[in-house]
Amino acid sequence: MPRGDGTGPAGRGPGTGRGLGRGGGRGRMSGGSGLGTGGECVCPNCGYRTTHQTGSPCYELKCPKCGAPMTR
């Protein structure tokens, strides 16, 4: 407050800035990119499905039917 009379620059105070301060962010490691264990790997070309193996990403697997990279 430059003059000490309660008026300050516009846009300051609660409710401004990044995320409003209370729970506005997504938190650590909760962006949804990790899908966890289990699930299936699916071929985007032919629809072939196989169970996902922990430790090997689906995109590293090749579809046994058409040879395309699998997706989760």
N, C-alpha and C. Protein backbone atom coordinates (compact mmCIF):
# COMPACT_ATOMS: atom_id res chain seq x y z
N MET A 1 0.84 -1.17 0.00
CA MET A 1 0.00 0.00 0.00
C MET A 1 0.89 1.24 0.00
N PRO A 2 0.92 1.87 -1.09
CA PRO A 2 1.88 2.96 -1.22
C PRO A 2 1.60 4.14 -0.30
N ARG A 3 0.35 4.48 -0.10
CA ARG A 3 0.05 5.66 0.71
C ARG A 3 -0.43 5.30 2.12
N GLY A 4 -0.62 4.01 2.40
CA GLY A 4 -1.07 3.61 3.72
C GLY A 4 -2.54 3.87 3.97
N ASP A 5 -3.30 4.17 2.93
CA ASP A 5 -4.72 4.47 3.12
C ASP A 5 -5.63 3.33 2.69
N GLY A 6 -5.05 2.12 2.46
CA GLY A 6 -5.88 0.98 2.10
C GLY A 6 -6.06 0.80 0.61
N THR A 7 -5.59 1.73 -0.17
CA THR A 7 -5.69 1.55 -1.62
C THR A 7 -4.35 1.05 -2.12
N GLY A 8 -4.41 0.08 -2.96
CA GLY A 8 -3.18 -0.48 -3.51
C GLY A 8 -3.33 -0.64 -5.00
N PRO A 9 -2.35 -1.23 -5.60
CA PRO A 9 -2.45 -1.47 -7.03
C PRO A 9 -3.60 -2.41 -7.36
N ALA A 10 -4.24 -2.21 -8.47
CA ALA A 10 -5.36 -3.05 -8.88
C ALA A 10 -4.86 -4.47 -9.13
N GLY A 11 -5.71 -5.45 -8.80
CA GLY A 11 -5.37 -6.84 -9.06
C GLY A 11 -4.60 -7.51 -7.96
N ARG A 12 -4.46 -6.91 -6.82
CA ARG A 12 -3.75 -7.53 -5.71
C ARG A 12 -4.76 -8.01 -4.67
N GLY A 13 -4.35 -8.96 -3.87
CA GLY A 13 -5.22 -9.44 -2.81
C GLY A 13 -5.67 -10.86 -3.06
N PRO A 14 -6.52 -11.39 -2.18
CA PRO A 14 -6.96 -12.77 -2.32
C PRO A 14 -7.80 -12.94 -3.59
N GLY A 15 -7.67 -14.10 -4.20
CA GLY A 15 -8.46 -14.38 -5.39
C GLY A 15 -7.75 -13.99 -6.67
N THR A 16 -6.56 -13.47 -6.57
CA THR A 16 -5.82 -13.14 -7.78
C THR A 16 -4.55 -13.96 -7.83
N GLY A 17 -3.95 -14.04 -8.95
CA GLY A 17 -2.70 -14.79 -9.07
C GLY A 17 -2.94 -16.19 -9.57
N ARG A 18 -2.05 -17.11 -9.20
CA ARG A 18 -2.11 -18.48 -9.72
C ARG A 18 -2.97 -19.38 -8.88
N GLY A 19 -4.03 -19.88 -9.38
CA GLY A 19 -4.79 -20.96 -8.77
C GLY A 19 -5.58 -20.63 -7.53
N LEU A 20 -5.72 -19.41 -7.14
CA LEU A 20 -6.49 -18.97 -5.98
C LEU A 20 -5.96 -19.48 -4.65
N GLY A 21 -4.88 -20.20 -4.64
CA GLY A 21 -4.22 -20.56 -3.40
C GLY A 21 -4.71 -21.78 -2.69
N ARG A 22 -5.98 -22.08 -2.70
CA ARG A 22 -6.49 -23.22 -1.94
C ARG A 22 -6.93 -24.34 -2.87
N GLY A 23 -6.07 -25.32 -3.06
CA GLY A 23 -6.43 -26.49 -3.86
C GLY A 23 -6.61 -26.19 -5.33
N GLY A 24 -6.08 -25.10 -5.82
CA GLY A 24 -6.26 -24.76 -7.21
C GLY A 24 -5.36 -25.55 -8.14
N GLY A 25 -4.25 -26.08 -7.61
CA GLY A 25 -3.32 -26.83 -8.44
C GLY A 25 -3.69 -28.29 -8.53
N ARG A 26 -2.98 -29.01 -9.37
CA ARG A 26 -3.26 -30.43 -9.55
C ARG A 26 -2.48 -31.29 -8.58
N GLY A 27 -1.50 -30.75 -7.90
CA GLY A 27 -0.73 -31.53 -6.95
C GLY A 27 0.39 -32.28 -7.64
N ARG A 28 1.18 -32.93 -6.84
CA ARG A 28 2.33 -33.66 -7.36
C ARG A 28 1.93 -34.99 -7.95
N MET A 29 2.42 -35.28 -9.13
CA MET A 29 2.20 -36.57 -9.79
C MET A 29 0.72 -36.92 -9.94
N SER A 30 -0.15 -35.94 -10.10
CA SER A 30 -1.55 -36.26 -10.31
C SER A 30 -2.05 -35.66 -11.60
N GLY A 31 -1.18 -35.58 -12.58
CA GLY A 31 -1.57 -35.01 -13.86
C GLY A 31 -2.28 -36.00 -14.77
N GLY A 32 -2.38 -37.25 -14.37
CA GLY A 32 -3.09 -38.22 -15.16
C GLY A 32 -2.24 -38.91 -16.20
N SER A 33 -0.97 -38.65 -16.25
CA SER A 33 -0.15 -39.27 -17.28
C SER A 33 0.17 -40.72 -16.96
N GLY A 34 0.35 -41.07 -15.69
CA GLY A 34 0.63 -42.45 -15.31
C GLY A 34 -0.67 -43.20 -15.12
N LEU A 35 -0.83 -44.32 -15.82
CA LEU A 35 -2.10 -45.03 -15.76
C LEU A 35 -2.08 -46.17 -14.76
N GLY A 36 -0.97 -46.37 -14.10
CA GLY A 36 -0.92 -47.39 -13.06
C GLY A 36 -0.72 -48.79 -13.61
N THR A 37 -0.85 -49.78 -12.74
CA THR A 37 -0.66 -51.17 -13.13
C THR A 37 -1.96 -51.73 -13.69
N GLY A 38 -1.85 -52.85 -14.34
CA GLY A 38 -3.02 -53.49 -14.90
C GLY A 38 -3.44 -52.84 -16.21
N GLY A 39 -4.62 -53.17 -16.68
CA GLY A 39 -5.13 -52.59 -17.90
C GLY A 39 -4.73 -53.38 -19.13
N GLU A 40 -4.94 -52.77 -20.28
CA GLU A 40 -4.68 -53.44 -21.54
C GLU A 40 -3.89 -52.56 -22.47
N CYS A 41 -3.17 -53.18 -23.38
CA CYS A 41 -2.55 -52.50 -24.50
C CYS A 41 -3.43 -52.79 -25.71
N VAL A 42 -3.71 -51.77 -26.50
CA VAL A 42 -4.63 -51.89 -27.62
C VAL A 42 -3.94 -51.42 -28.89
N CYS A 43 -4.18 -52.12 -29.99
CA CYS A 43 -3.66 -51.69 -31.28
C CYS A 43 -4.62 -50.66 -31.87
N PRO A 44 -4.13 -49.46 -32.23
CA PRO A 44 -5.01 -48.45 -32.79
C PRO A 44 -5.46 -48.78 -34.22
N ASN A 45 -4.75 -49.69 -34.90
CA ASN A 45 -5.12 -50.03 -36.28
C ASN A 45 -6.18 -51.11 -36.36
N CYS A 46 -5.91 -52.26 -35.73
CA CYS A 46 -6.83 -53.40 -35.89
C CYS A 46 -7.65 -53.71 -34.65
N GLY A 47 -7.33 -53.08 -33.50
CA GLY A 47 -8.12 -53.30 -32.29
C GLY A 47 -7.69 -54.48 -31.45
N TYR A 48 -6.59 -55.13 -31.81
CA TYR A 48 -6.08 -56.26 -31.01
C TYR A 48 -5.77 -55.80 -29.60
N ARG A 49 -6.13 -56.61 -28.60
CA ARG A 49 -5.91 -56.27 -27.20
C ARG A 49 -5.09 -57.34 -26.52
N THR A 50 -4.22 -56.90 -25.61
CA THR A 50 -3.44 -57.81 -24.79
C THR A 50 -3.27 -57.17 -23.42
N THR A 51 -3.00 -57.96 -22.40
CA THR A 51 -2.85 -57.40 -21.06
C THR A 51 -1.54 -56.63 -20.95
N HIS A 52 -1.59 -55.53 -20.23
CA HIS A 52 -0.41 -54.69 -20.03
C HIS A 52 0.52 -55.35 -19.02
N GLN A 53 1.81 -55.40 -19.36
CA GLN A 53 2.81 -55.96 -18.47
C GLN A 53 3.54 -54.83 -17.76
N THR A 54 3.63 -54.90 -16.43
CA THR A 54 4.30 -53.89 -15.65
C THR A 54 5.77 -53.80 -16.04
N GLY A 55 6.24 -52.59 -16.23
CA GLY A 55 7.65 -52.39 -16.57
C GLY A 55 7.91 -52.21 -18.06
N SER A 56 6.95 -52.54 -18.90
CA SER A 56 7.14 -52.33 -20.35
C SER A 56 5.98 -51.50 -20.88
N PRO A 57 6.27 -50.28 -21.35
CA PRO A 57 5.21 -49.43 -21.87
C PRO A 57 4.55 -50.04 -23.11
N CYS A 58 3.26 -49.79 -23.27
CA CYS A 58 2.54 -50.35 -24.42
C CYS A 58 3.13 -49.87 -25.74
N TYR A 59 3.60 -48.62 -25.79
CA TYR A 59 4.09 -48.10 -27.06
C TYR A 59 5.37 -48.80 -27.54
N GLU A 60 6.02 -49.57 -26.66
CA GLU A 60 7.20 -50.34 -27.07
C GLU A 60 6.82 -51.69 -27.67
N LEU A 61 5.56 -52.11 -27.49
CA LEU A 61 5.11 -53.38 -28.03
C LEU A 61 4.61 -53.19 -29.46
N LYS A 62 4.82 -54.21 -30.29
CA LYS A 62 4.29 -54.22 -31.65
C LYS A 62 3.11 -55.17 -31.71
N CYS A 63 2.08 -54.80 -32.44
CA CYS A 63 0.91 -55.64 -32.59
C CYS A 63 1.30 -56.92 -33.35
N PRO A 64 0.94 -58.10 -32.82
CA PRO A 64 1.30 -59.34 -33.50
C PRO A 64 0.54 -59.53 -34.81
N LYS A 65 -0.60 -58.85 -34.98
CA LYS A 65 -1.38 -59.01 -36.21
C LYS A 65 -0.90 -58.10 -37.33
N CYS A 66 -0.71 -56.80 -37.03
CA CYS A 66 -0.40 -55.85 -38.11
C CYS A 66 0.93 -55.14 -37.93
N GLY A 67 1.61 -55.26 -36.76
CA GLY A 67 2.92 -54.69 -36.57
C GLY A 67 2.93 -53.23 -36.12
N ALA A 68 1.77 -52.65 -35.89
CA ALA A 68 1.69 -51.25 -35.44
C ALA A 68 2.05 -51.15 -33.96
N PRO A 69 2.58 -50.00 -33.51
CA PRO A 69 2.85 -49.84 -32.07
C PRO A 69 1.53 -49.80 -31.29
N MET A 70 1.54 -50.47 -30.16
CA MET A 70 0.34 -50.53 -29.31
C MET A 70 0.21 -49.25 -28.49
N THR A 71 -0.99 -48.99 -28.02
CA THR A 71 -1.26 -47.88 -27.12
C THR A 71 -1.96 -48.41 -25.88
N ARG A 72 -2.07 -47.59 -24.85
CA ARG A 72 -2.67 -48.01 -23.59
C ARG A 72 -4.17 -47.88 -23.65
